[in-house]
C-alpha atoms as a PDB file:
ATOM      1  CA  MET A   1     -79.648 147.119 -34.545  1.00  0.00           C
ATOM      2  CA  SER A   2     -77.406 146.272 -37.120  1.00  0.00           C
ATOM      3  CA  PRO A   3     -73.860 148.260 -38.076  1.00  0.00           C
ATOM      4  CA  PRO A   4     -73.482 149.252 -41.630  1.00  0.00           C
ATOM      5  CA  LEU A   5     -70.818 147.831 -43.788  1.00  0.00           C
ATOM      6  CA  LEU A   6     -67.894 148.454 -42.406  1.00  0.00           C
ATOM      7  CA  MET A   7     -65.071 148.476 -44.780  1.00  0.00           C
ATOM      8  CA  GLU A   8     -61.461 148.886 -42.089  1.00  0.00           C
ATOM      9  CA  PRO A   9     -59.629 146.445 -43.676  1.00  0.00           C
ATOM     10  CA  GLN A  10     -58.651 144.237 -40.912  1.00  0.00           C
ATOM     11  CA  TRP A  11     -62.735 143.160 -41.136  1.00  0.00           C
ATOM     12  CA  PHE A  12     -63.704 143.338 -44.235  1.00  0.00           C
ATOM     13  CA  ALA A  13     -60.941 141.933 -46.507  1.00  0.00           C
ATOM     14  CA  PRO A  14     -60.310 138.560 -45.004  1.00  0.00           C
ATOM     15  CA  HIS A  15     -64.515 137.834 -44.623  1.00  0.00           C
ATOM     16  CA  VAL A  16     -66.327 139.917 -47.077  1.00  0.00           C
ATOM     17  CA  ALA A  17     -69.565 137.799 -47.311  1.00  0.00           C
ATOM     18  CA  TYR A  18     -69.600 137.379 -43.097  1.00  0.00           C
ATOM     19  CA  THR A  19     -69.155 141.557 -43.115  1.00  0.00           C
ATOM     20  CA  MET A  20     -72.444 141.840 -45.371  1.00  0.00           C
ATOM     21  CA  ALA A  21     -73.578 139.879 -43.441  1.00  0.00           C
ATOM     22  CA  LYS A  22     -73.752 141.360 -40.777  1.00  0.00           C
ATOM     23  CA  TYR A  23     -77.382 141.587 -39.906  1.00  0.00           C
ATOM     24  CA  GLY A  24     -79.013 140.278 -36.609  1.00  0.00           C
ATOM     25  CA  MET A  25     -76.579 141.614 -34.679  1.00  0.00           C
ATOM     26  CA  SER A  26     -75.996 143.552 -31.467  1.00  0.00           C
ATOM     27  CA  ILE A  27     -73.206 146.048 -30.685  1.00  0.00           C
ATOM     28  CA  THR A  28     -72.256 144.175 -27.096  1.00  0.00           C
ATOM     29  CA  LEU A  29     -71.726 140.226 -27.665  1.00  0.00           C
ATOM     30  CA  ILE A  30     -74.734 137.340 -27.381  1.00  0.00           C
ATOM     31  CA  TRP A  31     -74.700 134.539 -26.667  1.00  0.00           C
ATOM     32  CA  THR A  32     -75.358 132.647 -29.642  1.00  0.00           C
ATOM     33  CA  ALA A  33     -74.000 129.045 -31.147  1.00  0.00           C
ATOM     34  CA  ALA A  34     -71.536 131.360 -32.764  1.00  0.00           C
ATOM     35  CA  ALA A  35     -69.952 133.086 -29.685  1.00  0.00           C
ATOM     36  CA  ASP A  36     -69.895 129.530 -28.311  1.00  0.00           C
ATOM     37  CA  MET A  37     -67.651 128.641 -31.033  1.00  0.00           C
ATOM     38  CA  LEU A  38     -65.233 132.220 -31.412  1.00  0.00           C
ATOM     39  CA  THR A  39     -65.071 131.880 -27.228  1.00  0.00           C
ATOM     40  CA  GLY A  40     -64.067 128.182 -27.303  1.00  0.00           C
ATOM     41  CA  GLY A  41     -67.226 127.368 -25.223  1.00  0.00           C
ATOM     42  CA  THR A  42     -65.706 128.573 -22.239  1.00  0.00           C
ATOM     43  CA  GLU A  43     -67.868 129.868 -19.006  1.00  0.00           C
ATOM     44  CA  GLU A  44     -65.448 132.876 -19.286  1.00  0.00           C
ATOM     45  CA  GLY A  45     -66.742 133.479 -22.846  1.00  0.00           C
ATOM     46  CA  ARG A  46     -70.076 133.311 -22.067  1.00  0.00           C
ATOM     47  CA  LYS A  47     -69.632 135.715 -18.530  1.00  0.00           C
ATOM     48  CA  GLY A  48     -68.706 138.097 -21.107  1.00  0.00           C
ATOM     49  CA  ALA A  49     -72.161 137.899 -23.325  1.00  0.00           C
ATOM     50  CA  ARG A  50     -75.400 139.203 -22.767  1.00  0.00           C
ATOM     51  CA  PHE A  51     -78.695 137.076 -23.410  1.00  0.00           C
ATOM     52  CA  PRO A  52     -80.767 137.562 -26.956  1.00  0.00           C
ATOM     53  CA  SER A  53     -83.750 138.734 -25.247  1.00  0.00           C
ATOM     54  CA  ILE A  54     -82.023 142.177 -25.312  1.00  0.00           C
ATOM     55  CA  MET A  55     -82.353 142.052 -28.957  1.00  0.00           C
ATOM     56  CA  ALA A  56     -85.782 141.083 -28.820  1.00  0.00           C
ATOM     57  CA  ASP A  57     -86.787 143.972 -26.319  1.00  0.00           C
ATOM     58  CA  ALA A  58     -84.939 146.463 -28.685  1.00  0.00           C
ATOM     59  CA  ALA A  59     -86.377 145.044 -31.941  1.00  0.00           C
ATOM     60  CA  TYR A  60     -90.303 145.125 -30.404  1.00  0.00           C
ATOM     61  CA  ALA A  61     -89.582 148.835 -29.554  1.00  0.00           C
ATOM     62  CA  VAL A  62     -88.375 149.316 -32.713  1.00  0.00           C
ATOM     63  CA  LEU A  63     -90.909 147.757 -35.017  1.00  0.00           C
ATOM     64  CA  SER A  64     -93.960 149.645 -32.300  1.00  0.00           C
ATOM     65  CA  ARG A  65     -92.664 153.120 -33.945  1.00  0.00           C
ATOM     66  CA  ASN A  66     -94.110 154.944 -36.733  1.00  0.00           C
ATOM     67  CA  SER A  67     -92.561 153.306 -39.559  1.00  0.00           C
ATOM     68  CA  ARG A  68     -91.707 156.334 -41.856  1.00  0.00           C
ATOM     69  CA  GLU A  69     -89.542 157.820 -39.008  1.00  0.00           C
ATOM     70  CA  SER A  70     -87.575 154.984 -37.700  1.00  0.00           C
ATOM     71  CA  THR A  71     -87.367 153.377 -41.051  1.00  0.00           C
ATOM     72  CA  GLY A  72     -83.780 153.240 -42.299  1.00  0.00           C
ATOM     73  CA  ASN A  73     -81.896 154.169 -39.169  1.00  0.00           C
ATOM     74  CA  PHE A  74     -79.454 153.123 -37.432  1.00  0.00           C
ATOM     75  CA  PHE A  75     -80.758 151.558 -34.035  1.00  0.00           C
ATOM     76  CA  MET A  76     -78.203 150.250 -30.853  1.00  0.00           C
ATOM     77  CA  ASP A  77     -79.812 148.347 -28.648  1.00  0.00           C
ATOM     78  CA  ASP A  78     -78.447 150.276 -25.485  1.00  0.00           C
ATOM     79  CA  GLU A  79     -79.540 153.278 -26.757  1.00  0.00           C
ATOM     80  CA  VAL A  80     -83.135 151.882 -28.194  1.00  0.00           C
ATOM     81  CA  LEU A  81     -84.008 150.528 -24.415  1.00  0.00           C
ATOM     82  CA  LYS A  82     -82.651 153.611 -22.665  1.00  0.00           C
ATOM     83  CA  ALA A  83     -85.017 156.395 -24.972  1.00  0.00           C
ATOM     84  CA  GLU A  84     -88.159 153.552 -23.684  1.00  0.00           C
ATOM     85  CA  GLY A  85     -87.205 154.121 -20.343  1.00  0.00           C
ATOM     86  CA  VAL A  86     -84.796 151.020 -19.519  1.00  0.00           C
ATOM     87  CA  THR A  87     -82.503 150.957 -16.674  1.00  0.00           C
ATOM     88  CA  ASN A  88     -81.462 148.237 -15.469  1.00  0.00           C
ATOM     89  CA  PHE A  89     -79.127 146.157 -18.009  1.00  0.00           C
ATOM     90  CA  ASP A  90     -78.339 144.003 -15.982  1.00  0.00           C
ATOM     91  CA  GLN A  91     -81.277 141.858 -16.841  1.00  0.00           C
ATOM     92  CA  TYR A  92     -79.651 140.858 -19.809  1.00  0.00           C
ATOM     93  CA  ALA A  93     -75.640 140.278 -18.978  1.00  0.00           C
ATOM     94  CA  VAL A  94     -75.137 136.298 -18.386  1.00  0.00           C
ATOM     95  CA  ASP A  95     -72.928 137.684 -15.763  1.00  0.00           C
ATOM     96  CA  PRO A  96     -73.773 140.984 -14.207  1.00  0.00           C
ATOM     97  CA  LYS A  97     -70.220 141.305 -12.739  1.00  0.00           C
ATOM     98  CA  ALA A  98     -68.167 140.455 -15.481  1.00  0.00           C
ATOM     99  CA  ASP A  99     -66.803 142.645 -18.286  1.00  0.00           C
ATOM    100  CA  LEU A 100     -68.740 142.409 -21.259  1.00  0.00           C
ATOM    101  CA  PHE A 101     -67.093 141.362 -24.796  1.00  0.00           C
ATOM    102  CA  ILE A 102     -67.551 144.098 -26.879  1.00  0.00           C
ATOM    103  CA  ASP A 103     -68.650 143.599 -31.147  1.00  0.00           C
ATOM    104  CA  PHE A 104     -66.066 146.192 -32.821  1.00  0.00           C
ATOM    105  CA  PHE A 105     -68.268 146.987 -35.702  1.00  0.00           C
ATOM    106  CA  VAL A 106     -68.802 150.344 -35.309  1.00  0.00           C
ATOM    107  CA  PRO A 107     -66.041 152.528 -36.320  1.00  0.00           C
ATOM    108  CA  GLY A 108     -64.143 155.338 -34.615  1.00  0.00           C
ATOM    109  CA  ALA A 109     -66.426 154.480 -30.805  1.00  0.00           C
ATOM    110  CA  GLU A 110     -64.952 154.670 -27.763  1.00  0.00           C
ATOM    111  CA  TYR A 111     -66.137 151.735 -25.422  1.00  0.00           C
ATOM    112  CA  ALA A 112     -66.365 152.599 -21.778  1.00  0.00           C
ATOM    113  CA  ALA A 113     -65.017 149.025 -21.026  1.00  0.00           C
ATOM    114  CA  VAL A 114     -61.790 150.176 -23.160  1.00  0.00           C
ATOM    115  CA  LYS A 115     -61.238 153.330 -21.349  1.00  0.00           C
ATOM    116  CA  GLN A 116     -61.174 151.936 -17.988  1.00  0.00           C
ATOM    117  CA  GLN A 117     -58.744 148.695 -19.217  1.00  0.00           C
ATOM    118  CA  LYS A 118     -56.342 151.482 -20.762  1.00  0.00           C
ATOM    119  CA  LYS A 119     -56.432 153.145 -16.753  1.00  0.00           C
ATOM    120  CA  SER A 120     -55.694 149.475 -15.602  1.00  0.00           C
ATOM    121  CA  SER A 121     -52.942 148.521 -17.809  1.00  0.00           C
ATOM    122  CA  LYS A 122     -50.830 151.040 -16.405  1.00  0.00           C
ATOM    123  CA  ASN A 123     -51.257 149.652 -13.223  1.00  0.00           C
ATOM    124  CA  ALA A 124     -50.119 146.099 -14.505  1.00  0.00           C
ATOM    125  CA  PRO A 125     -48.061 143.996 -12.125  1.00  0.00           C
ATOM    126  CA  LYS A 126     -44.331 144.606 -12.310  1.00  0.00           C
ATOM    127  CA  MET A 127     -42.984 141.768 -13.661  1.00  0.00           C
ATOM    128  CA  ASN A 128     -40.522 141.388 -16.486  1.00  0.00           C
ATOM    129  CA  GLU A 129     -40.592 139.022 -19.357  1.00  0.00           C
ATOM    130  CA  ALA A 130     -38.799 135.645 -17.938  1.00  0.00           C
ATOM    131  CA  ASP A 131     -40.965 135.910 -14.941  1.00  0.00           C
ATOM    132  CA  LEU A 132     -44.237 136.191 -17.023  1.00  0.00           C
ATOM    133  CA  PHE A 133     -43.069 133.460 -19.819  1.00  0.00           C
ATOM    134  CA  GLN A 134     -42.953 131.311 -16.781  1.00  0.00           C
ATOM    135  CA  LYS A 135     -46.215 131.506 -15.389  1.00  0.00           C
ATOM    136  CA  ILE A 136     -47.733 131.329 -18.155  1.00  0.00           C
ATOM    137  CA  GLN A 137     -45.680 128.088 -19.147  1.00  0.00           C
ATOM    138  CA  LYS A 138     -46.713 126.694 -15.836  1.00  0.00           C
ATOM    139  CA  ALA A 139     -50.716 127.788 -16.412  1.00  0.00           C
ATOM    140  CA  ILE A 140     -50.770 126.036 -19.777  1.00  0.00           C
ATOM    141  CA  THR A 141     -53.095 122.967 -19.125  1.00  0.00           C
ATOM    142  CA  PRO A 142     -54.518 120.439 -21.164  1.00  0.00           C
ATOM    143  CA  GLU A 143     -57.705 122.351 -21.316  1.00  0.00           C
ATOM    144  CA  SER A 144     -55.492 125.265 -22.672  1.00  0.00           C
ATOM    145  CA  ILE A 145     -54.524 123.174 -25.353  1.00  0.00           C
ATOM    146  CA  LYS A 146     -58.379 121.943 -26.457  1.00  0.00           C
ATOM    147  CA  LEU A 147     -59.179 125.170 -25.793  1.00  0.00           C
ATOM    148  CA  ALA A 148     -56.971 127.610 -28.166  1.00  0.00           C
ATOM    149  CA  GLY A 149     -56.478 125.126 -30.618  1.00  0.00           C
ATOM    150  CA  ALA A 150     -53.698 127.165 -32.218  1.00  0.00           C
ATOM    151  CA  ILE A 151     -50.280 128.450 -32.206  1.00  0.00           C
ATOM    152  CA  TYR A 152     -49.610 132.096 -31.807  1.00  0.00           C
ATOM    153  CA  ASN A 153     -46.495 134.288 -32.671  1.00  0.00           C
ATOM    154  CA  PHE A 154     -45.805 137.755 -30.664  1.00  0.00           C
ATOM    155  CA  THR A 155     -43.908 140.553 -32.162  1.00  0.00           C
ATOM    156  CA  ILE A 156     -42.746 142.804 -29.278  1.00  0.00           C
ATOM    157  CA  LYS A 157     -41.243 145.830 -31.074  1.00  0.00           C
ATOM    158  CA  SER A 158     -38.650 147.903 -29.214  1.00  0.00           C
ATOM    159  CA  SER A 159     -37.901 151.868 -29.002  1.00  0.00           C
ATOM    160  CA  LYS A 160     -34.551 150.965 -29.233  1.00  0.00           C
ATOM    161  CA  GLY A 161     -35.112 148.575 -32.611  1.00  0.00           C
ATOM    162  CA  ASP A 162     -34.137 144.870 -30.576  1.00  0.00           C
ATOM    163  CA  ASP A 163     -37.387 144.314 -31.549  1.00  0.00           C
ATOM    164  CA  LYS A 164     -38.069 140.098 -29.928  1.00  0.00           C
ATOM    165  CA  ILE A 165     -40.063 138.052 -31.543  1.00  0.00           C
ATOM    166  CA  PHE A 166     -41.594 134.580 -29.152  1.00  0.00           C
ATOM    167  CA  HIS A 167     -44.419 131.470 -29.970  1.00  0.00           C
ATOM    168  CA  ILE A 168     -47.081 130.167 -27.710  1.00  0.00           C
ATOM    169  CA  ASP A 169     -47.709 127.053 -29.379  1.00  0.00           C
ATOM    170  CA  LEU A 170     -51.409 125.479 -27.780  1.00  0.00           C
ATOM    171  CA  LYS A 171     -52.200 123.277 -30.174  1.00  0.00           C
ATOM    172  CA  GLU A 172     -49.652 120.506 -29.900  1.00  0.00           C
ATOM    173  CA  THR A 173     -46.618 120.956 -27.426  1.00  0.00           C
ATOM    174  CA  GLY A 174     -48.165 123.385 -25.149  1.00  0.00           C
ATOM    175  CA  LYS A 175     -44.831 125.670 -24.740  1.00  0.00           C
ATOM    176  CA  LEU A 176     -43.346 128.751 -25.414  1.00  0.00           C
ATOM    177  CA  GLY A 177     -40.263 128.721 -27.287  1.00  0.00           C
ATOM    178  CA  ASN A 178     -38.152 131.826 -28.548  1.00  0.00           C
ATOM    179  CA  GLY A 179     -38.462 132.486 -32.417  1.00  0.00           C
ATOM    180  CA  PRO A 180     -41.408 132.058 -34.459  1.00  0.00           C
ATOM    181  CA  SER A 181     -43.024 129.292 -35.472  1.00  0.00           C
ATOM    182  CA  GLU A 182     -43.901 128.569 -39.402  1.00  0.00           C
ATOM    183  CA  LYS A 183     -47.325 127.020 -37.947  1.00  0.00           C
ATOM    184  CA  ALA A 184     -48.484 130.209 -36.529  1.00  0.00           C
ATOM    185  CA  ASP A 185     -51.949 130.609 -37.077  1.00  0.00           C
ATOM    186  CA  VAL A 186     -52.111 134.092 -35.672  1.00  0.00           C
ATOM    187  CA  HIS A 187     -49.484 136.771 -35.835  1.00  0.00           C
ATOM    188  CA  PHE A 188     -49.680 139.605 -32.873  1.00  0.00           C
ATOM    189  CA  GLU A 189     -47.420 142.589 -32.699  1.00  0.00           C
ATOM    190  CA  MET A 190     -47.391 145.124 -30.136  1.00  0.00           C
ATOM    191  CA  ALA A 191     -44.833 147.801 -28.088  1.00  0.00           C
ATOM    192  CA  GLU A 192     -42.977 146.303 -25.696  1.00  0.00           C
ATOM    193  CA  GLU A 193     -45.020 148.554 -23.041  1.00  0.00           C
ATOM    194  CA  ASP A 194     -47.942 147.201 -23.992  1.00  0.00           C
ATOM    195  CA  PHE A 195     -46.988 143.493 -23.878  1.00  0.00           C
ATOM    196  CA  ILE A 196     -47.091 142.397 -20.106  1.00  0.00           C
ATOM    197  CA  PRO A 197     -50.386 144.068 -19.543  1.00  0.00           C
ATOM    198  CA  ILE A 198     -51.650 142.247 -22.565  1.00  0.00           C
ATOM    199  CA  LEU A 199     -50.385 138.987 -21.441  1.00  0.00           C
ATOM    200  CA  SER A 200     -51.112 139.253 -17.887  1.00  0.00           C
ATOM    201  CA  GLY A 201     -54.818 140.044 -18.556  1.00  0.00           C
ATOM    202  CA  GLN A 202     -54.249 143.136 -17.184  1.00  0.00           C
ATOM    203  CA  LEU A 203     -55.442 144.788 -21.159  1.00  0.00           C
ATOM    204  CA  SER A 204     -57.973 142.830 -23.298  1.00  0.00           C
ATOM    205  CA  SER A 205     -55.997 141.729 -26.755  1.00  0.00           C
ATOM    206  CA  MET A 206     -59.163 142.517 -28.346  1.00  0.00           C
ATOM    207  CA  ASN A 207     -59.899 146.251 -26.817  1.00  0.00           C
ATOM    208  CA  ALA A 208     -55.954 146.961 -27.865  1.00  0.00           C
ATOM    209  CA  PHE A 209     -56.552 145.558 -31.148  1.00  0.00           C
ATOM    210  CA  VAL A 210     -59.339 148.372 -31.583  1.00  0.00           C
ATOM    211  CA  GLY A 211     -57.245 151.161 -29.295  1.00  0.00           C
ATOM    212  CA  LYS A 212     -54.527 150.274 -32.158  1.00  0.00           C
ATOM    213  CA  LYS A 213     -51.816 148.967 -29.636  1.00  0.00           C
ATOM    214  CA  LEU A 214     -52.027 145.898 -31.190  1.00  0.00           C
ATOM    215  CA  LYS A 215     -51.645 144.108 -34.610  1.00  0.00           C
ATOM    216  CA  ILE A 216     -53.269 140.776 -35.148  1.00  0.00           C
ATOM    217  CA  LYS A 217     -52.653 139.099 -38.656  1.00  0.00           C
ATOM    218  CA  GLY A 218     -54.417 135.443 -39.154  1.00  0.00           C
ATOM    219  CA  ASP A 219     -57.077 133.928 -38.060  1.00  0.00           C
ATOM    220  CA  LEU A 220     -59.104 136.626 -36.260  1.00  0.00           C
ATOM    221  CA  SER A 221     -61.690 133.769 -34.535  1.00  0.00           C
ATOM    222  CA  LYS A 222     -58.387 131.897 -32.754  1.00  0.00           C
ATOM    223  CA  ALA A 223     -56.957 135.388 -31.624  1.00  0.00           C
ATOM    224  CA  MET A 224     -60.175 136.024 -29.754  1.00  0.00           C
ATOM    225  CA  LYS A 225     -59.579 132.473 -28.165  1.00  0.00           C
ATOM    226  CA  LEU A 226     -56.336 133.543 -26.501  1.00  0.00           C
ATOM    227  CA  ASP A 227     -58.414 136.432 -25.133  1.00  0.00           C
ATOM    228  CA  THR A 228     -60.439 133.928 -23.442  1.00  0.00           C
ATOM    229  CA  LEU A 229     -58.000 132.176 -22.271  1.00  0.00           C
ATOM    230  CA  ILE A 230     -55.662 134.777 -20.818  1.00  0.00           C
ATOM    231  CA  LYS A 231     -59.248 135.699 -19.072  1.00  0.00           C
ATOM    232  CA  ALA A 232     -58.779 131.694 -17.636  1.00  0.00           C
ATOM    233  CA  ILE A 233     -55.336 132.006 -16.473  1.00  0.00           C
ATOM    234  CA  SER A 234     -55.109 135.043 -15.311  1.00  0.00           C
ATOM    235  CA  LYS A 235     -54.997 135.028 -11.703  1.00  0.00           C
ATOM    236  CA  LYS A 236     -52.003 132.457 -12.087  1.00  0.00           C
ATOM    237  CA  ILE A 237     -50.061 134.561 -14.050  1.00  0.00           C
ATOM    238  CA  VAL A 238     -50.148 138.015 -11.842  1.00  0.00           C
ATOM    239  CA  SER A 239     -50.308 136.072  -8.405  1.00  0.00           C
END
């Protein structure tokens, strides 16, 4: 049920105690008080989660097995339940139609949601940076600022060497600006071909992070809130 310690620097270095305490977690985000905090308590965040009952059912199945064969093994709830004959996993989803958020604590795993978003990002809306900035600015509301409560710096890496840096203040002013903010809580770095897919919601920032398309420095919990925010305003951005 619980992944072993993950020693990848982005998880372990800033959160040693938390990483060592990752027991009782599911590979897919379960809607708990912690999940509510990480996603800003939004309905969009809740839709991408599962009910704790999936862990209860999987735990029951494992604890009912021969302890000599099961002790010390690494179990994933989906795999345990499939082995028990469960085929309907929609019963565990808060919203069966929504894409599930993923807990990225299994190194090297390739998730279906990540693969699908890689494909959909290729069909990202055709717009330039100025258009995207304008649409994001119009989509920012007082609710957006309350949800994120953070300032984000973005570095767009260019193959020509003329990198661009801008920031979004979702803590105080609700404005976009050129150049970095000295008060930034999170720093994102991405290639220019991934910039529009990520900021328009076609490619999840967390999936891009796992796929090595995005570098994140700073507060990871606030970085996750940006993903929830983009999902909430993406319809306004791509329209």
